[in-house]
Amino acid sequence: MTRQQPEPQAAVTLRGIVKRYPGVLANDHVDLTVADGEIHALMGENGAGKSTLMSILYGLSQPDDGEIELGGRPVTFSSAAQAIDAGIGMVQQGFALFDTLSVTDNVVFGAEPTRRGLLDRRAARAAVAELVERHGLRVRPTDRVGDLPVGVRQQVEILKLLYRRARVLILDEPTAVLTPAETERLFDVLRGLAADGHTILFVSHKLHEVLSLSDNVTVLRDGRVTMRSATADTDRAALAAAMTGRDVELDKIYPPGTPGEVVLAAHGLTIGGPGKPVLADVSLEVRAGEVVGIAGVAGNGQTELVAAIAGLRDLDAGTVTVGGVDLRGLSVRARRAAGLAHVPEDRAEVGSAPRARLADNLAVGFQRRLARRGFLAPKAIRAHSAAIVEQYDVRAAGPDAPMRTLSGGNQQKAILGREMAHDAPVLLVEQPTRGVDIGAVVNIHRRLVEYRDAGHAVLLVSAELSEIRALADRVLVMYEGRVVAELTKDEATYEALGLAMAGGAS
């Protein structure tokens, strides 16, 4: 007779969690159970209640109703410090690291080993080195954090939790700022942690990542649980339907546009660097009614290219024209007047004023239109912001909510809606769906194609090859600051893009 294996013990149990904010029921009697050693995905659209639920578990917020158990024992947390003491750690979307300090100093900060009342640096380095080796992390304890790429910084955040003996790790949208290669390295780390007995709560809206990584998945919509399933028993279509409440057409590739006259032209753009040039003699053209995609592994000049066109980065050589107007020497404002709109990669530092109201952020660039007798008109600003909020499904407590209180995906939708409302001849758009849920991705893609079909020129930079293939009429691939390949829509297969991105194009 075969003995049944005992079911793994529940590491985390949430029962009937309720959280209300003014005008919003963020969590509506949510139940969630996660076992020891499990990777459990929590999915949902922006504003579905994922981050709120995890903030409650981590002690950043208190529930209005419901219970929390760890290992079968009831707990209550009034602060993150109490959650950490109980063995729960959280890596949030915005890293909390000191750029000028080493990896070791960042990891032990606030919990430094001491000897005779003084910091024991040898013990600190040894403890961090042991954790790095045990978990196979690609981090050097002596490196300065400010010199590290984003994916390695994230590993430093994980190290901080492991150093504090966290057994339950919450990762909130951890791949939003990672390249595909960095994402795979993160997944290897998480699988190793789970095999070592850690419990992982993986908050995401990316279907392929959840299906690749997790053991079980829970889906929230409008604050309620709409699906609980073993990941092996579901698929992308079912998850998308549970998230959005409707069937979603996945992997849609839009038909090509009808290009007209050249609107944006860049010739010989060059920016020097300490070693190789950041941009090396880059030339491109974008026509009216065309989307030109820029593909490449992060750090190969894409960001600098767009910044140079937008006027945020000085060129050592080269020219940029919009509608035949030479932009040399023009300010960002003057370039806007010449016909540029720009959705930047960094939505917090460049794309918005985080402490300002949502309505004021949406009014940026429209001040003259929204003024009456030389003064900004509050009613006009509200009407303008309400139209963008409705068209792009921006979820916020209201027009007076500070921009920083919106989820990352809703900030992105707001900025994209504002820039497209300018109706500029040229739209520079970087990572348009980073941090955005599947339902909003479909909406944003449709609107970008409509913008193209209305006769605008769109220069698209994206780390998502599926997005490049879906939207771009032509694809330029960048490698080490140069354009190394130009592909038509039909030629831009995953294989061809991947080869060129690795420097393998002829």
Protein backbone atom coordinates (compact mmCIF):
# COMPACT_ATOMS: atom_id res chain seq x y z
CA MET A 1 0.00 0.00 0.00
CA THR A 2 1.43 3.38 -1.08
CA ARG A 3 1.61 5.96 1.67
CA GLN A 4 0.19 9.34 0.78
CA GLN A 5 2.65 12.18 1.06
CA PRO A 6 1.52 14.82 3.55
CA GLU A 7 0.49 18.10 1.98
CA PRO A 8 3.04 20.87 2.50
CA GLN A 9 2.29 23.20 5.38
CA ALA A 10 0.82 26.58 4.56
CA ALA A 11 3.54 29.20 4.94
CA VAL A 12 1.12 32.10 4.42
CA THR A 13 -2.65 32.22 4.81
CA LEU A 14 -4.78 35.29 4.19
CA ARG A 15 -8.50 35.03 5.00
CA GLY A 16 -11.20 37.51 4.13
CA ILE A 17 -8.86 40.47 3.64
CA VAL A 18 -10.74 43.73 3.11
CA LYS A 19 -9.13 47.11 2.42
CA ARG A 20 -11.04 50.28 1.61
CA TYR A 21 -9.77 53.63 0.41
CA PRO A 22 -11.94 56.69 -0.31
CA GLY A 23 -14.07 55.68 -3.26
CA VAL A 24 -12.20 52.39 -3.81
CA LEU A 25 -12.65 48.86 -2.43
CA ALA A 26 -9.09 47.68 -3.10
CA ASN A 27 -9.45 44.19 -1.56
CA ASP A 28 -12.85 42.57 -1.25
CA HIS A 29 -12.70 39.53 1.09
CA VAL A 30 -9.58 38.06 -0.51
CA ASP A 31 -8.38 34.57 0.47
CA LEU A 32 -4.86 33.36 -0.38
CA THR A 33 -2.91 30.30 0.75
CA VAL A 34 0.74 29.67 -0.14
CA ALA A 35 2.72 26.56 0.86
CA ASP A 36 6.30 26.25 2.06
CA GLY A 37 8.73 26.14 -0.87
CA GLU A 38 6.11 27.27 -3.37
CA ILE A 39 6.38 29.94 -6.05
CA HIS A 40 2.91 31.46 -6.10
CA ALA A 41 1.97 34.03 -8.74
CA LEU A 42 -0.48 36.82 -7.95
CA MET A 43 -1.92 38.30 -11.14
CA GLY A 44 -4.32 41.06 -12.06
CA GLU A 45 -4.67 44.23 -14.06
CA ASN A 46 -3.31 47.54 -12.78
CA GLY A 47 -5.51 48.55 -9.86
CA ALA A 48 -6.82 45.02 -9.27
CA GLY A 49 -5.53 45.02 -5.68
CA LYS A 50 -2.32 42.98 -5.95
CA SER A 51 0.06 45.52 -4.46
CA THR A 52 -2.45 46.47 -1.77
CA LEU A 53 -2.76 42.85 -0.66
CA MET A 54 1.01 42.40 -0.53
CA SER A 55 1.43 45.69 1.34
CA ILE A 56 -0.95 44.35 3.98
CA LEU A 57 1.02 41.12 4.29
CA TYR A 58 4.25 43.13 4.59
CA GLY A 59 2.87 45.46 7.26
CA LEU A 60 2.91 48.61 5.13
CA SER A 61 -0.86 48.84 5.41
CA GLN A 62 -3.43 47.39 7.80
CA PRO A 63 -6.55 45.56 6.64
CA ASP A 64 -10.02 46.80 7.55
CA ASP A 65 -11.05 43.18 8.05
CA GLY A 66 -9.58 39.69 7.72
CA GLU A 67 -6.85 37.53 9.22
CA ILE A 68 -3.21 36.67 8.46
CA GLU A 69 -1.45 33.45 9.51
CA LEU A 70 2.20 32.48 9.17
CA GLY A 71 2.88 28.77 9.54
CA GLY A 72 -0.61 28.34 10.98
CA ARG A 73 -0.18 31.03 13.67
CA PRO A 74 -2.21 34.25 13.66
CA VAL A 75 -0.11 37.42 13.22
CA THR A 76 -0.71 41.14 12.97
CA PHE A 77 1.81 43.65 11.64
CA SER A 78 1.73 47.38 12.19
CA SER A 79 5.00 47.97 10.33
CA ALA A 80 7.34 46.42 7.79
CA ALA A 81 9.91 45.98 10.56
CA GLN A 82 7.55 43.61 12.36
CA ALA A 83 6.97 41.64 9.15
CA ILE A 84 10.74 41.36 8.60
CA ASP A 85 11.21 40.14 12.17
CA ALA A 86 8.57 37.47 11.44
CA GLY A 87 10.45 36.29 8.33
CA ILE A 88 8.68 38.19 5.52
CA GLY A 89 10.64 40.32 3.04
CA MET A 90 9.51 42.39 0.08
CA VAL A 91 11.31 43.72 -2.99
CA GLN A 92 9.24 46.65 -4.20
CA GLN A 93 9.24 48.19 -7.68
CA GLY A 94 11.41 51.11 -6.55
CA PHE A 95 14.70 49.86 -5.09
CA ALA A 96 15.87 51.25 -1.73
CA LEU A 97 19.64 51.20 -2.21
CA PHE A 98 22.53 53.59 -1.58
CA ASP A 99 24.35 54.05 -4.89
CA THR A 100 27.59 55.28 -3.31
CA LEU A 101 27.94 52.28 -0.96
CA SER A 102 29.18 48.77 -1.68
CA VAL A 103 26.96 45.73 -2.05
CA THR A 104 28.02 44.55 1.42
CA ASP A 105 27.26 47.91 3.06
CA ASN A 106 23.82 48.00 1.44
CA VAL A 107 22.99 44.44 2.49
CA VAL A 108 23.92 44.81 6.17
CA PHE A 109 22.70 48.40 6.60
CA GLY A 110 20.61 48.60 9.75
CA ALA A 111 21.64 45.12 10.88
CA GLU A 112 25.42 45.39 10.87
CA PRO A 113 27.54 42.76 12.66
CA THR A 114 29.61 44.35 15.40
CA ARG A 115 32.70 43.51 17.39
CA ARG A 116 33.44 45.35 20.60
CA GLY A 117 30.80 47.89 19.70
CA LEU A 118 32.23 48.63 16.23
CA LEU A 119 31.21 47.52 12.74
CA ASP A 120 32.86 44.20 11.95
CA ARG A 121 33.55 44.63 8.22
CA ARG A 122 35.25 41.26 7.89
CA ALA A 123 32.20 39.47 9.32
CA ALA A 124 29.89 41.53 7.09
CA ARG A 125 31.82 40.65 3.92
CA ALA A 126 31.99 36.99 4.93
CA ALA A 127 28.24 36.81 5.60
CA VAL A 128 27.34 38.42 2.27
CA ALA A 129 29.87 36.31 0.34
CA GLU A 130 28.43 33.14 1.89
CA LEU A 131 24.89 34.09 0.82
CA VAL A 132 26.08 34.95 -2.70
CA GLU A 133 27.79 31.57 -3.08
CA ARG A 134 24.98 29.55 -1.51
CA HIS A 135 22.31 30.99 -3.77
CA GLY A 136 24.36 31.34 -6.95
CA LEU A 137 23.94 35.09 -7.25
CA ARG A 138 25.96 37.12 -9.76
CA VAL A 139 27.01 39.79 -7.28
CA ARG A 140 30.41 40.81 -5.96
CA PRO A 141 30.22 42.02 -2.34
CA THR A 142 32.79 44.77 -2.94
CA ASP A 143 31.11 46.33 -6.00
CA ARG A 144 29.68 49.84 -5.75
CA VAL A 145 25.91 49.61 -6.19
CA GLY A 146 25.76 52.70 -8.40
CA ASP A 147 27.92 50.91 -10.98
CA LEU A 148 25.64 47.86 -11.24
CA PRO A 149 23.00 47.18 -13.91
CA VAL A 150 19.37 47.01 -12.84
CA GLY A 151 19.21 43.21 -12.77
CA VAL A 152 22.15 42.96 -10.37
CA ARG A 153 20.75 45.70 -8.15
CA GLN A 154 17.63 43.61 -7.79
CA GLN A 155 19.76 40.72 -6.59
CA VAL A 156 21.19 43.07 -3.95
CA GLU A 157 17.63 43.71 -2.73
CA ILE A 158 17.07 39.95 -2.51
CA LEU A 159 20.35 39.60 -0.61
CA LYS A 160 19.11 42.16 1.93
CA LEU A 161 16.12 39.93 2.65
CA LEU A 162 18.15 36.72 2.84
CA TYR A 163 20.61 38.36 5.22
CA ARG A 164 17.66 39.11 7.51
CA ARG A 165 16.61 35.45 7.30
CA ALA A 166 13.39 36.06 5.40
CA ARG A 167 11.65 32.81 4.52
CA VAL A 168 8.74 34.42 2.64
CA LEU A 169 9.83 36.70 -0.24
CA ILE A 170 7.41 39.05 -1.98
CA LEU A 171 8.49 40.40 -5.38
CA ASP A 172 6.22 43.13 -6.76
CA GLU A 173 6.46 43.31 -10.58
CA PRO A 174 10.14 42.32 -10.41
CA THR A 175 10.69 42.05 -14.17
CA ALA A 176 9.23 45.44 -15.13
CA VAL A 177 12.70 46.98 -15.55
CA LEU A 178 14.67 43.87 -16.58
CA THR A 179 15.92 42.71 -19.95
CA PRO A 180 14.93 39.19 -21.07
CA ALA A 181 18.35 37.85 -20.09
CA GLU A 182 18.14 39.49 -16.66
CA THR A 183 14.66 38.04 -16.22
CA GLU A 184 15.92 34.52 -16.86
CA ARG A 185 18.72 34.99 -14.34
CA LEU A 186 16.20 36.22 -11.77
CA PHE A 187 14.02 33.16 -12.39
CA ASP A 188 16.99 30.86 -11.85
CA VAL A 189 17.61 32.58 -8.51
CA LEU A 190 13.95 32.27 -7.47
CA ARG A 191 13.78 28.59 -8.41
CA GLY A 192 16.90 27.95 -6.33
CA LEU A 193 15.41 29.81 -3.36
CA ALA A 194 12.19 27.80 -3.58
CA ALA A 195 14.18 24.55 -3.75
CA ASP A 196 15.94 25.72 -0.57
CA GLY A 197 12.56 26.01 1.18
CA HIS A 198 11.79 29.69 0.68
CA THR A 199 8.26 30.72 -0.22
CA ILE A 200 7.99 33.14 -3.16
CA LEU A 201 5.05 35.44 -3.86
CA PHE A 202 5.54 36.65 -7.44
CA VAL A 203 3.34 39.62 -8.34
CA SER A 204 3.05 40.05 -12.11
CA HIS A 205 0.75 40.58 -15.05
CA LYS A 206 3.00 38.90 -17.63
CA LEU A 207 1.35 35.70 -18.74
CA HIS A 208 4.38 33.90 -20.17
CA GLU A 209 6.46 34.62 -17.06
CA VAL A 210 3.83 33.32 -14.68
CA LEU A 211 3.37 30.14 -16.72
CA SER A 212 7.14 29.61 -16.88
CA LEU A 213 7.94 30.23 -13.22
CA SER A 214 5.09 29.60 -10.81
CA ASP A 215 3.61 26.48 -9.20
CA ASN A 216 0.20 28.01 -8.52
CA VAL A 217 -1.54 31.21 -9.50
CA THR A 218 -4.25 33.44 -8.02
CA VAL A 219 -5.91 36.13 -10.15
CA LEU A 220 -7.54 39.30 -8.83
CA ARG A 221 -9.98 41.55 -10.67
CA ASP A 222 -11.48 44.66 -9.09
CA GLY A 223 -10.24 43.52 -5.68
CA ARG A 224 -11.77 40.03 -5.84
CA VAL A 225 -10.32 36.59 -6.55
CA THR A 226 -11.48 35.41 -9.98
CA MET A 227 -9.22 32.36 -10.36
CA ARG A 228 -7.19 29.93 -8.26
CA SER A 229 -5.34 27.23 -10.16
CA ALA A 230 -2.28 25.07 -10.40
CA THR A 231 -0.25 26.77 -13.11
CA ALA A 232 0.06 23.50 -15.04
CA ASP A 233 -3.76 23.34 -15.28
CA THR A 234 -4.28 26.72 -16.96
CA ASP A 235 -3.09 28.65 -20.01
CA ARG A 236 -2.58 32.19 -21.27
CA ALA A 237 -6.10 32.62 -22.62
CA ALA A 238 -7.73 31.53 -19.34
CA LEU A 239 -5.47 33.79 -17.28
CA ALA A 240 -6.12 36.77 -19.55
CA ALA A 241 -9.88 36.20 -19.34
CA ALA A 242 -9.73 35.95 -15.54
CA MET A 243 -7.74 39.20 -15.37
CA THR A 244 -9.91 41.23 -17.75
CA GLY A 245 -13.33 39.61 -17.61
CA ARG A 246 -13.34 39.08 -21.36
CA ASP A 247 -11.61 37.11 -24.09
CA VAL A 248 -8.38 38.82 -25.17
CA GLU A 249 -6.71 38.43 -28.55
CA LEU A 250 -3.14 37.53 -27.65
CA ASP A 251 -0.08 37.89 -29.91
CA LYS A 252 -1.91 40.05 -32.44
CA ILE A 253 0.39 41.28 -35.22
CA TYR A 254 -1.05 44.39 -36.87
CA PRO A 255 -0.95 44.78 -40.66
CA PRO A 256 1.61 47.25 -42.01
CA GLY A 257 0.76 50.89 -42.50
CA THR A 258 0.94 53.03 -45.63
CA PRO A 259 4.09 55.14 -45.32
CA GLY A 260 4.11 58.64 -46.80
CA GLU A 261 6.70 61.40 -46.73
CA VAL A 262 9.70 61.38 -44.38
CA VAL A 263 8.79 63.30 -41.22
CA LEU A 264 11.66 62.44 -38.85
CA ALA A 265 15.20 62.19 -40.20
CA ALA A 266 18.40 61.64 -38.21
CA HIS A 267 21.82 61.53 -39.85
CA GLY A 268 25.20 60.63 -38.39
CA LEU A 269 24.18 60.86 -34.73
CA THR A 270 27.26 60.39 -32.58
CA ILE A 271 27.81 60.61 -28.81
CA GLY A 272 31.24 59.75 -27.46
CA GLY A 273 31.89 57.65 -24.38
CA PRO A 274 34.73 56.80 -22.04
CA GLY A 275 35.52 53.78 -24.23
CA LYS A 276 33.39 53.04 -27.27
CA PRO A 277 30.92 55.70 -28.49
CA VAL A 278 27.46 55.56 -26.94
CA LEU A 279 26.08 56.35 -30.40
CA ALA A 280 28.23 55.74 -33.46
CA ASP A 281 27.06 57.40 -36.71
CA VAL A 282 23.39 56.40 -36.36
CA SER A 283 21.06 57.38 -39.20
CA LEU A 284 17.35 56.66 -39.60
CA GLU A 285 14.16 57.94 -41.19
CA VAL A 286 10.54 57.59 -40.08
CA ARG A 287 7.73 58.35 -42.50
CA ALA A 288 4.20 59.54 -41.89
CA GLY A 289 1.94 56.52 -41.39
CA GLU A 290 4.81 54.30 -40.25
CA VAL A 291 6.01 52.70 -37.01
CA VAL A 292 9.77 52.13 -36.91
CA GLY A 293 10.81 49.84 -34.07
CA ILE A 294 14.19 49.96 -32.33
CA ALA A 295 15.24 46.58 -30.91
CA GLY A 296 18.31 45.73 -28.90
CA VAL A 297 19.53 44.50 -25.56
CA ALA A 298 19.36 47.30 -22.97
CA GLY A 299 22.45 49.47 -22.92
CA ASN A 300 23.21 49.44 -26.64
CA GLY A 301 22.32 53.06 -27.31
CA GLN A 302 18.53 52.99 -27.71
CA THR A 303 17.86 55.28 -24.73
CA GLU A 304 20.57 57.75 -25.78
CA LEU A 305 19.23 57.81 -29.34
CA VAL A 306 15.76 58.90 -28.25
CA ALA A 307 17.17 61.34 -25.69
CA ALA A 308 19.28 62.98 -28.39
CA ILE A 309 16.31 63.36 -30.74
CA ALA A 310 14.15 64.76 -27.92
CA GLY A 311 16.82 67.26 -26.89
CA LEU A 312 17.62 65.64 -23.54
CA ARG A 313 21.15 64.62 -24.57
CA ASP A 314 23.77 66.66 -26.46
CA LEU A 315 25.22 65.28 -29.67
CA ASP A 316 28.88 65.35 -30.62
CA ALA A 317 27.90 65.12 -34.28
CA GLY A 318 24.86 64.63 -36.45
CA THR A 319 21.58 66.33 -37.39
CA VAL A 320 17.90 65.76 -36.61
CA THR A 321 15.05 67.24 -38.63
CA VAL A 322 11.28 67.09 -38.15
CA GLY A 323 9.21 68.04 -41.17
CA GLY A 324 12.34 69.52 -42.68
CA VAL A 325 13.04 71.76 -39.64
CA ASP A 326 16.59 71.41 -38.29
CA LEU A 327 16.41 70.84 -34.53
CA ARG A 328 20.04 71.73 -33.79
CA GLY A 329 20.25 74.12 -30.86
CA LEU A 330 16.55 73.95 -30.10
CA SER A 331 15.30 73.39 -26.54
CA VAL A 332 12.99 70.54 -25.57
CA ARG A 333 10.07 72.98 -25.64
CA ALA A 334 11.01 74.23 -29.10
CA ARG A 335 11.31 70.68 -30.37
CA ARG A 336 7.81 70.02 -29.09
CA ALA A 337 6.60 73.06 -31.00
CA ALA A 338 8.33 71.68 -34.10
CA GLY A 339 6.27 68.51 -33.89
CA LEU A 340 7.74 66.07 -31.34
CA ALA A 341 5.89 64.25 -28.56
CA HIS A 342 7.81 61.97 -26.22
CA VAL A 343 6.89 59.09 -23.90
CA PRO A 344 10.15 58.54 -21.97
CA GLU A 345 11.44 55.28 -20.56
CA ASP A 346 11.71 56.75 -17.05
CA ARG A 347 8.13 57.75 -16.29
CA ALA A 348 8.86 58.92 -12.73
CA GLU A 349 11.98 61.08 -13.19
CA VAL A 350 11.46 62.31 -16.75
CA GLY A 351 7.85 61.72 -17.72
CA SER A 352 6.00 63.17 -14.75
CA ALA A 353 6.04 65.25 -11.58
CA PRO A 354 5.36 62.52 -9.00
CA ARG A 355 4.17 64.85 -6.21
CA ALA A 356 1.91 66.93 -8.45
CA ARG A 357 -1.74 66.09 -9.06
CA LEU A 358 -2.75 63.72 -11.82
CA ALA A 359 -4.74 66.52 -13.48
CA ASP A 360 -1.71 68.84 -13.44
CA ASN A 361 0.51 66.14 -14.94
CA LEU A 362 -1.97 65.61 -17.76
CA ALA A 363 -2.05 69.36 -18.41
CA VAL A 364 1.70 69.55 -19.11
CA GLY A 365 2.26 71.01 -22.57
CA PHE A 366 -1.37 72.13 -22.83
CA GLN A 367 -1.13 75.17 -20.54
CA ARG A 368 -1.82 77.69 -23.30
CA ARG A 369 -4.86 75.78 -24.50
CA LEU A 370 -6.20 75.41 -20.96
CA ALA A 371 -5.75 79.06 -20.00
CA ARG A 372 -8.47 81.68 -19.88
CA ARG A 373 -7.42 85.35 -19.95
CA GLY A 374 -3.86 84.42 -19.10
CA PHE A 375 -4.71 82.15 -16.16
CA LEU A 376 -5.06 78.36 -16.02
CA ALA A 377 -8.73 77.40 -15.87
CA PRO A 378 -9.43 74.64 -13.28
CA LYS A 379 -12.58 73.50 -15.10
CA ALA A 380 -10.71 73.18 -18.39
CA ILE A 381 -7.89 71.24 -16.71
CA ARG A 382 -10.38 68.84 -15.12
CA ALA A 383 -12.23 68.28 -18.39
CA HIS A 384 -8.96 67.70 -20.24
CA SER A 385 -7.70 65.19 -17.64
CA ALA A 386 -11.08 63.42 -17.46
CA ALA A 387 -11.01 62.77 -21.20
CA ILE A 388 -7.54 61.17 -21.04
CA VAL A 389 -8.45 59.15 -17.92
CA GLU A 390 -11.52 57.76 -19.67
CA GLN A 391 -9.87 57.01 -23.02
CA TYR A 392 -6.88 55.23 -21.48
CA ASP A 393 -8.62 53.68 -18.46
CA VAL A 394 -6.33 55.41 -15.97
CA ARG A 395 -7.31 54.18 -12.52
CA ALA A 396 -6.80 56.69 -9.72
CA ALA A 397 -8.63 57.99 -6.67
CA GLY A 398 -9.42 61.13 -8.67
CA PRO A 399 -7.88 64.03 -10.60
CA ASP A 400 -6.44 65.48 -7.38
CA ALA A 401 -4.54 62.28 -6.49
CA PRO A 402 -0.76 62.79 -6.53
CA MET A 403 0.82 61.10 -9.54
CA ARG A 404 3.06 59.00 -7.29
CA THR A 405 0.01 57.32 -5.70
CA LEU A 406 -0.94 55.67 -9.01
CA SER A 407 0.38 52.21 -9.81
CA GLY A 408 3.25 52.09 -12.29
CA GLY A 409 0.98 50.84 -15.06
CA ASN A 410 -1.56 53.61 -14.51
CA GLN A 411 1.20 56.23 -14.53
CA GLN A 412 2.30 54.82 -17.86
CA LYS A 413 -1.20 54.98 -19.32
CA ALA A 414 -1.57 58.58 -18.14
CA ILE A 415 1.72 59.73 -19.70
CA LEU A 416 1.02 57.92 -22.98
CA GLY A 417 -2.46 59.42 -23.15
CA ARG A 418 -1.10 62.92 -22.50
CA GLU A 419 1.56 62.68 -25.21
CA MET A 420 -0.77 61.21 -27.82
CA ALA A 421 -3.31 63.95 -27.08
CA HIS A 422 -0.76 66.46 -28.45
CA ASP A 423 -1.45 64.98 -31.91
CA ALA A 424 2.18 65.71 -32.83
CA PRO A 425 3.51 64.62 -36.26
CA VAL A 426 6.24 62.53 -34.55
CA LEU A 427 5.79 60.38 -31.45
CA LEU A 428 8.89 59.05 -29.69
CA VAL A 429 7.74 56.25 -27.42
CA GLU A 430 9.96 54.16 -25.16
CA GLN A 431 8.70 50.99 -23.46
CA PRO A 432 5.01 51.95 -23.94
CA THR A 433 3.64 48.94 -22.07
CA ARG A 434 6.28 48.44 -19.36
CA GLY A 435 4.45 47.63 -16.14
CA VAL A 436 1.08 47.59 -17.91
CA ASP A 437 -1.43 44.73 -17.69
CA ILE A 438 -2.59 42.61 -20.62
CA GLY A 439 -5.90 44.40 -21.11
CA ALA A 440 -4.21 47.79 -21.22
CA VAL A 441 -1.49 46.44 -23.55
CA VAL A 442 -4.13 45.60 -26.15
CA ASN A 443 -5.66 49.07 -25.78
CA ILE A 444 -2.28 50.84 -26.04
CA HIS A 445 -1.24 48.83 -29.09
CA ARG A 446 -4.53 49.63 -30.82
CA ARG A 447 -4.16 53.33 -30.10
CA LEU A 448 -0.57 53.43 -31.38
CA VAL A 449 -1.69 51.79 -34.63
CA GLU A 450 -4.57 54.28 -34.90
CA TYR A 451 -2.08 57.10 -34.33
CA ARG A 452 0.07 55.74 -37.15
CA ASP A 453 -2.91 55.31 -39.46
CA ALA A 454 -3.92 58.93 -38.83
CA GLY A 455 -0.71 59.88 -40.64
CA HIS A 456 1.75 60.25 -37.77
CA ALA A 457 5.30 58.93 -37.58
CA VAL A 458 6.09 56.71 -34.58
CA LEU A 459 9.57 55.75 -33.37
CA LEU A 460 9.12 52.85 -30.95
CA VAL A 461 11.75 51.52 -28.54
CA SER A 462 10.78 48.34 -26.70
CA ALA A 463 12.50 45.52 -24.85
CA GLU A 464 9.52 43.27 -25.68
CA LEU A 465 10.22 41.60 -29.01
CA SER A 466 6.57 40.54 -29.24
CA GLU A 467 5.65 44.24 -29.09
CA ILE A 468 8.19 45.15 -31.77
CA ARG A 469 6.85 42.41 -34.03
CA ALA A 470 3.23 43.38 -33.35
CA LEU A 471 3.57 47.08 -34.14
CA ALA A 472 6.65 47.89 -36.23
CA ASP A 473 6.50 48.28 -40.00
CA ARG A 474 10.31 48.25 -40.05
CA VAL A 475 12.77 47.25 -37.34
CA LEU A 476 16.21 48.70 -36.74
CA VAL A 477 18.45 46.62 -34.45
CA MET A 478 21.08 48.38 -32.35
CA TYR A 479 24.28 46.81 -31.05
CA GLU A 480 27.09 48.69 -29.30
CA GLY A 481 25.72 52.07 -30.34
CA ARG A 482 25.26 51.23 -34.02
CA VAL A 483 22.36 50.19 -36.22
CA VAL A 484 23.48 46.74 -37.33
CA ALA A 485 20.37 45.52 -39.12
CA GLU A 486 17.21 46.80 -40.79
CA LEU A 487 14.39 44.29 -41.17
CA THR A 488 10.96 44.43 -42.77
CA LYS A 489 7.93 43.27 -40.82
CA ASP A 490 8.08 39.86 -42.50
CA GLU A 491 11.83 39.53 -41.94
CA ALA A 492 11.66 40.43 -38.23
CA THR A 493 11.32 36.92 -36.82
CA TYR A 494 12.41 36.17 -33.26
CA GLU A 495 15.41 34.29 -34.65
CA ALA A 496 16.54 37.12 -36.92
CA LEU A 497 16.06 39.75 -34.20
CA GLY A 498 17.88 37.65 -31.61
CA LEU A 499 20.85 37.07 -33.93
CA ALA A 500 21.18 40.77 -34.74
CA MET A 501 20.77 41.81 -31.08
CA ALA A 502 23.68 39.54 -30.18
CA GLY A 503 25.89 41.24 -32.76
CA GLY A 504 25.54 38.46 -35.29
CA ALA A 505 24.11 40.51 -38.16
CA SER A 506 26.21 40.91 -41.25
